[in-house]
Amino acid sequence: MSTTDTSATDDADRALKSRHRAMWAFGDYPKVVDDLVHPLGPELVQLAGVGPDDVVLDVAAGTGSAAIPAARLGARVTASDLTPELLDAGRASAGDLAIDWVEADAENLPFADESFDVVLSTIGVMFAPHHRRAADELVRVCRADGTIAVTSWTPEGFIGQLFATMKPFAPAPPPGVEPAPAWGSPAHLDELFEGRAETLRQERRMLPVTRFEHAEGFRNFFRENYGPTIAVYKSLADDADRTAALDDALVALARDHSVATDPFRLEWEYLVTVMRRV
């Protein structure tokens, strides 16, 4: 590749990361965490076996749903994320806990090789656009025989199907960008980490969601608070018909996946994977 081509690729990657950074600052992702997905962080910390003597990195940490409980156990924790607004929210939630909050790209982490005993990511690293690069970084910064543990939405589960529902309404992604829910596929993880990490534990779990009174409530909440959904709506700002069609599609998704209606209940499938770095 020529110098000109390399420069163009670097510029395109910086622009892509800038869009991702802005997307996660849309709406109110801390509210999404607090109201819906907060239990996933402490669960991953427990399943990864984090202890008080561990040096821990939470990658794509968001507001620190894994970093904070790890620090409460006495671990030495660094929380990294691409979006500074989320780190600011995490700092506020952490109070006096000793956590290093570092703005960083999951595909280019600013840490030395084998710096951490445990590397975690709770529904975070899955959204890095280039999966191999992100997996390479998780492996690189984890010490030999250390633990890599990730929680990811599955392609077949509710959030995976949310992204499938939004895809026809969204602008086409740049070449090489991979779908985030692929991290919830065991076969995809096997490919990413083959020969570099041994799977110790892997299981599909369900997150019960009773936050919404009805399907329209889910649609409204995500339209107002969840960055990826807001980004799709922004792309349709000048198209009332397609906006209405997306409104209807999200309501239909929630109705089709409800497991109870009185009260309204959803179950969101995710994959937990705990690995030993070889």
Protein backbone atom coordinates (compact mmCIF):
# COMPACT_ATOMS: atom_id res chain seq x y z
CA MET A 1 0.00 0.00 0.00
CA SER A 2 1.36 3.43 -0.90
CA THR A 3 1.92 6.23 1.61
CA THR A 4 -1.06 8.06 0.11
CA ASP A 5 -3.28 4.99 0.50
CA THR A 6 -2.13 4.49 4.10
CA SER A 7 -2.87 8.13 4.91
CA ALA A 8 -6.34 7.85 3.39
CA THR A 9 -7.02 4.69 5.40
CA ASP A 10 -5.87 6.37 8.61
CA ASP A 11 -8.06 9.40 7.91
CA ALA A 12 -11.07 7.16 7.25
CA ASP A 13 -10.46 5.26 10.48
CA ARG A 14 -10.20 8.46 12.50
CA ALA A 15 -13.44 9.71 10.97
CA LEU A 16 -15.16 6.39 11.75
CA LYS A 17 -13.99 6.48 15.37
CA SER A 18 -15.12 10.09 15.66
CA ARG A 19 -18.62 9.05 14.56
CA HIS A 20 -18.63 6.17 17.05
CA ARG A 21 -17.50 8.49 19.84
CA ALA A 22 -20.30 10.93 19.02
CA MET A 23 -22.89 8.16 18.68
CA TRP A 24 -22.34 6.88 22.22
CA ALA A 25 -22.62 10.44 23.53
CA PHE A 26 -26.09 10.82 21.99
CA GLY A 27 -29.06 10.55 24.32
CA ASP A 28 -28.43 9.20 27.82
CA TYR A 29 -26.47 5.94 27.82
CA PRO A 30 -25.86 6.16 31.60
CA LYS A 31 -29.64 5.93 31.98
CA VAL A 32 -29.67 2.82 29.74
CA VAL A 33 -27.06 1.28 32.04
CA ASP A 34 -28.77 2.25 35.27
CA ASP A 35 -32.28 1.27 34.18
CA LEU A 36 -31.53 -1.85 32.13
CA VAL A 37 -28.10 -3.44 31.85
CA HIS A 38 -26.27 -2.60 35.08
CA PRO A 39 -26.39 -6.21 36.44
CA LEU A 40 -24.15 -7.45 33.62
CA GLY A 41 -21.02 -5.74 34.95
CA PRO A 42 -20.94 -7.20 38.49
CA GLU A 43 -21.86 -10.59 37.05
CA LEU A 44 -18.87 -10.58 34.68
CA VAL A 45 -16.53 -9.51 37.49
CA GLN A 46 -17.75 -12.44 39.58
CA LEU A 47 -17.51 -14.98 36.75
CA ALA A 48 -14.00 -13.78 35.85
CA GLY A 49 -12.91 -14.42 39.42
CA VAL A 50 -11.56 -10.92 40.02
CA GLY A 51 -9.77 -10.65 43.36
CA PRO A 52 -8.25 -7.91 45.50
CA ASP A 53 -4.72 -8.46 44.20
CA ASP A 54 -5.61 -8.34 40.50
CA VAL A 55 -4.62 -5.62 38.05
CA VAL A 56 -7.74 -5.20 35.92
CA LEU A 57 -8.55 -3.43 32.65
CA ASP A 58 -12.17 -2.77 31.66
CA VAL A 59 -12.17 -2.19 27.87
CA ALA A 60 -14.93 -0.09 26.32
CA ALA A 61 -15.97 0.39 29.92
CA GLY A 62 -18.67 2.97 29.32
CA THR A 63 -19.78 4.19 32.74
CA GLY A 64 -17.79 1.47 34.53
CA SER A 65 -20.42 -1.17 35.24
CA ALA A 66 -17.61 -3.75 35.52
CA ALA A 67 -14.79 -1.42 36.60
CA ILE A 68 -16.61 -0.14 39.67
CA PRO A 69 -17.49 -3.54 41.22
CA ALA A 70 -13.96 -4.77 40.46
CA ALA A 71 -12.54 -1.78 42.33
CA ARG A 72 -14.89 -2.42 45.24
CA LEU A 73 -13.26 -5.84 45.59
CA GLY A 74 -9.89 -4.13 46.02
CA ALA A 75 -8.52 -4.74 42.52
CA ARG A 76 -6.32 -2.11 40.84
CA VAL A 77 -8.60 -1.03 38.00
CA THR A 78 -8.22 0.93 34.79
CA ALA A 79 -11.38 1.78 32.83
CA SER A 80 -10.90 2.75 29.19
CA ASP A 81 -13.45 4.00 26.69
CA LEU A 82 -13.59 5.91 23.42
CA THR A 83 -16.27 8.33 24.65
CA PRO A 84 -15.19 10.83 27.33
CA GLU A 85 -18.76 11.68 28.30
CA LEU A 86 -19.27 8.09 29.47
CA LEU A 87 -16.02 8.14 31.45
CA ASP A 88 -17.18 11.35 33.14
CA ALA A 89 -20.41 9.63 34.18
CA GLY A 90 -18.39 6.68 35.47
CA ARG A 91 -16.13 8.91 37.55
CA ALA A 92 -19.19 10.50 39.13
CA SER A 93 -20.66 7.10 39.99
CA ALA A 94 -17.37 5.73 41.34
CA GLY A 95 -17.00 8.40 44.01
CA ASP A 96 -13.82 7.83 46.01
CA LEU A 97 -12.96 4.47 44.42
CA ALA A 98 -9.43 4.39 43.02
CA ILE A 99 -10.01 3.82 39.30
CA ASP A 100 -7.91 5.18 36.44
CA TRP A 101 -10.28 6.50 33.74
CA VAL A 102 -8.52 6.56 30.36
CA GLU A 103 -9.90 7.73 27.02
CA ALA A 104 -8.77 5.03 24.59
CA ASP A 105 -9.68 3.19 21.40
CA ALA A 106 -10.28 -0.54 22.00
CA GLU A 107 -8.47 -1.24 18.73
CA ASN A 108 -5.36 0.70 19.82
CA LEU A 109 -5.02 0.53 23.60
CA PRO A 110 -2.34 2.78 25.15
CA PHE A 111 -1.03 0.10 27.52
CA ALA A 112 2.09 -2.06 27.49
CA ASP A 113 2.07 -5.73 26.56
CA GLU A 114 0.94 -8.10 29.35
CA SER A 115 0.06 -5.22 31.71
CA PHE A 116 -3.07 -6.75 33.26
CA ASP A 117 -4.08 -9.89 35.12
CA VAL A 118 -7.71 -9.60 34.02
CA VAL A 119 -9.12 -7.91 30.91
CA LEU A 120 -12.90 -7.40 30.93
CA SER A 121 -15.51 -5.98 28.60
CA THR A 122 -19.25 -5.85 29.25
CA ILE A 123 -21.26 -5.27 26.03
CA GLY A 124 -18.50 -2.85 25.07
CA VAL A 125 -15.66 -4.18 22.95
CA MET A 126 -18.24 -5.86 20.71
CA PHE A 127 -18.98 -2.41 19.25
CA ALA A 128 -15.42 -1.81 18.06
CA PRO A 129 -15.81 -1.83 14.27
CA HIS A 130 -12.88 -4.15 13.47
CA HIS A 131 -13.18 -7.27 15.56
CA ARG A 132 -9.76 -8.79 14.88
CA ARG A 133 -7.98 -5.59 15.88
CA ALA A 134 -9.94 -5.39 19.12
CA ALA A 135 -9.35 -9.06 19.95
CA ASP A 136 -5.64 -8.61 19.23
CA GLU A 137 -5.53 -5.79 21.78
CA LEU A 138 -7.34 -7.78 24.47
CA VAL A 139 -4.79 -10.56 24.06
CA ARG A 140 -1.79 -8.23 23.86
CA VAL A 141 -2.42 -6.36 27.13
CA CYS A 142 -3.33 -9.50 29.13
CA ARG A 143 -0.50 -11.38 30.83
CA ALA A 144 0.20 -15.00 29.99
CA ASP A 145 -2.22 -17.23 31.92
CA GLY A 146 -4.32 -14.14 32.68
CA THR A 147 -8.08 -13.91 32.22
CA ILE A 148 -10.01 -12.37 29.33
CA ALA A 149 -13.76 -12.15 29.97
CA VAL A 150 -16.42 -10.63 27.74
CA THR A 151 -20.19 -10.27 27.76
CA SER A 152 -21.83 -9.71 24.36
CA TRP A 153 -25.35 -9.57 22.97
CA THR A 154 -26.08 -12.56 20.75
CA PRO A 155 -27.14 -12.23 17.10
CA GLU A 156 -30.30 -14.23 17.78
CA GLY A 157 -31.25 -12.43 20.98
CA PHE A 158 -33.34 -9.31 21.38
CA ILE A 159 -30.58 -6.71 21.04
CA GLY A 160 -29.04 -8.60 18.14
CA GLN A 161 -32.44 -8.50 16.47
CA LEU A 162 -32.76 -4.80 17.32
CA PHE A 163 -29.67 -4.14 15.19
CA ALA A 164 -31.03 -6.38 12.44
CA THR A 165 -34.30 -4.41 12.54
CA MET A 166 -32.51 -1.07 12.32
CA LYS A 167 -30.09 -2.13 9.57
CA PRO A 168 -32.41 -1.47 6.58
CA PHE A 169 -33.01 2.07 7.86
CA ALA A 170 -29.37 2.92 8.59
CA PRO A 171 -26.65 4.16 6.23
CA ALA A 172 -24.43 1.38 4.93
CA PRO A 173 -21.36 0.89 7.17
CA PRO A 174 -17.89 1.52 5.72
CA PRO A 175 -16.11 -1.48 4.16
CA GLY A 176 -14.59 -3.80 6.73
CA VAL A 177 -16.89 -2.84 9.61
CA GLU A 178 -18.27 -5.97 11.25
CA PRO A 179 -21.66 -6.34 12.99
CA ALA A 180 -21.36 -5.96 16.74
CA PRO A 181 -23.57 -8.94 17.72
CA ALA A 182 -21.13 -11.32 16.01
CA TRP A 183 -19.21 -11.19 19.31
CA GLY A 184 -22.15 -13.12 20.78
CA SER A 185 -21.43 -16.06 18.46
CA PRO A 186 -19.19 -18.77 19.97
CA ALA A 187 -17.88 -19.65 16.51
CA HIS A 188 -16.84 -16.04 15.91
CA LEU A 189 -15.01 -15.87 19.23
CA ASP A 190 -13.28 -19.17 18.48
CA GLU A 191 -12.01 -17.65 15.25
CA LEU A 192 -10.89 -14.41 16.89
CA PHE A 193 -9.01 -16.04 19.77
CA GLU A 194 -7.92 -19.38 18.28
CA GLY A 195 -4.51 -20.43 19.57
CA ARG A 196 -4.29 -17.40 21.85
CA ALA A 197 -6.90 -17.95 24.55
CA GLU A 198 -8.50 -21.09 25.96
CA THR A 199 -12.21 -20.94 26.76
CA LEU A 200 -12.81 -21.82 30.40
CA ARG A 201 -16.50 -20.97 30.59
CA GLN A 202 -19.09 -19.98 28.03
CA GLU A 203 -22.82 -19.78 28.39
CA ARG A 204 -25.87 -18.00 27.07
CA ARG A 205 -27.87 -16.12 29.68
CA MET A 206 -30.99 -13.99 29.76
CA LEU A 207 -31.36 -10.48 31.13
CA PRO A 208 -34.96 -9.96 32.31
CA VAL A 209 -36.31 -6.52 31.38
CA THR A 210 -39.47 -5.21 33.05
CA ARG A 211 -38.70 -1.50 32.69
CA PHE A 212 -41.37 -0.87 30.01
CA GLU A 213 -45.14 -0.91 30.34
CA HIS A 214 -45.62 -1.82 26.68
CA ALA A 215 -43.81 -2.16 23.36
CA GLU A 216 -44.24 1.52 22.58
CA GLY A 217 -42.48 2.33 25.84
CA PHE A 218 -39.45 0.34 24.70
CA ARG A 219 -39.45 2.15 21.35
CA ASN A 220 -39.69 5.58 22.96
CA PHE A 221 -36.98 4.87 25.52
CA PHE A 222 -34.48 3.66 22.91
CA ARG A 223 -35.36 6.42 20.51
CA GLU A 224 -34.55 8.98 23.23
CA ASN A 225 -31.64 7.37 25.09
CA TYR A 226 -29.71 4.71 23.13
CA GLY A 227 -26.98 6.13 20.91
CA PRO A 228 -27.14 3.61 18.03
CA THR A 229 -30.91 3.98 17.76
CA ILE A 230 -30.72 7.77 17.95
CA ALA A 231 -28.10 7.73 15.17
CA VAL A 232 -30.44 5.82 12.87
CA TYR A 233 -33.30 8.22 13.57
CA LYS A 234 -30.99 11.16 12.87
CA SER A 235 -30.16 9.66 9.47
CA LEU A 236 -33.91 9.65 8.69
CA ALA A 237 -34.57 13.20 9.88
CA ASP A 238 -35.78 14.36 6.45
CA ASP A 239 -37.87 11.27 5.69
CA ALA A 240 -41.11 11.16 7.67
CA ASP A 241 -42.33 7.96 6.02
CA ARG A 242 -39.19 5.97 6.85
CA THR A 243 -39.14 7.40 10.35
CA ALA A 244 -42.69 6.16 10.86
CA ALA A 245 -41.75 2.78 9.42
CA LEU A 246 -38.87 2.48 11.89
CA ASP A 247 -41.22 3.46 14.71
CA ASP A 248 -43.54 0.62 13.70
CA ALA A 249 -40.69 -1.87 13.23
CA LEU A 250 -39.33 -1.28 16.74
CA VAL A 251 -42.76 -1.66 18.30
CA ALA A 252 -43.30 -4.89 16.36
CA LEU A 253 -39.90 -6.18 17.50
CA ALA A 254 -40.75 -5.63 21.15
CA ARG A 255 -44.22 -7.15 20.80
CA ASP A 256 -42.88 -10.21 19.00
CA HIS A 257 -40.21 -10.81 21.64
CA SER A 258 -42.29 -10.14 24.75
CA VAL A 259 -42.53 -13.14 27.06
CA ALA A 260 -45.35 -11.60 29.13
CA THR A 261 -47.72 -8.69 28.73
CA ASP A 262 -49.10 -8.09 32.24
CA PRO A 263 -46.66 -6.81 33.28
CA PHE A 264 -44.80 -6.37 29.99
CA ARG A 265 -41.58 -8.38 30.06
CA LEU A 266 -38.68 -8.92 27.66
CA GLU A 267 -35.70 -11.25 27.95
CA TRP A 268 -32.44 -10.20 26.30
CA GLU A 269 -30.01 -13.00 25.47
CA TYR A 270 -26.28 -12.49 25.93
CA LEU A 271 -23.16 -14.65 25.82
CA VAL A 272 -20.63 -14.71 28.65
CA THR A 273 -17.17 -16.02 27.75
CA VAL A 274 -14.28 -16.42 30.20
CA MET A 275 -10.91 -17.34 28.66
CA ARG A 276 -7.36 -17.99 29.81
CA ARG A 277 -4.70 -16.26 27.74
CA VAL A 278 -2.15 -18.84 26.60
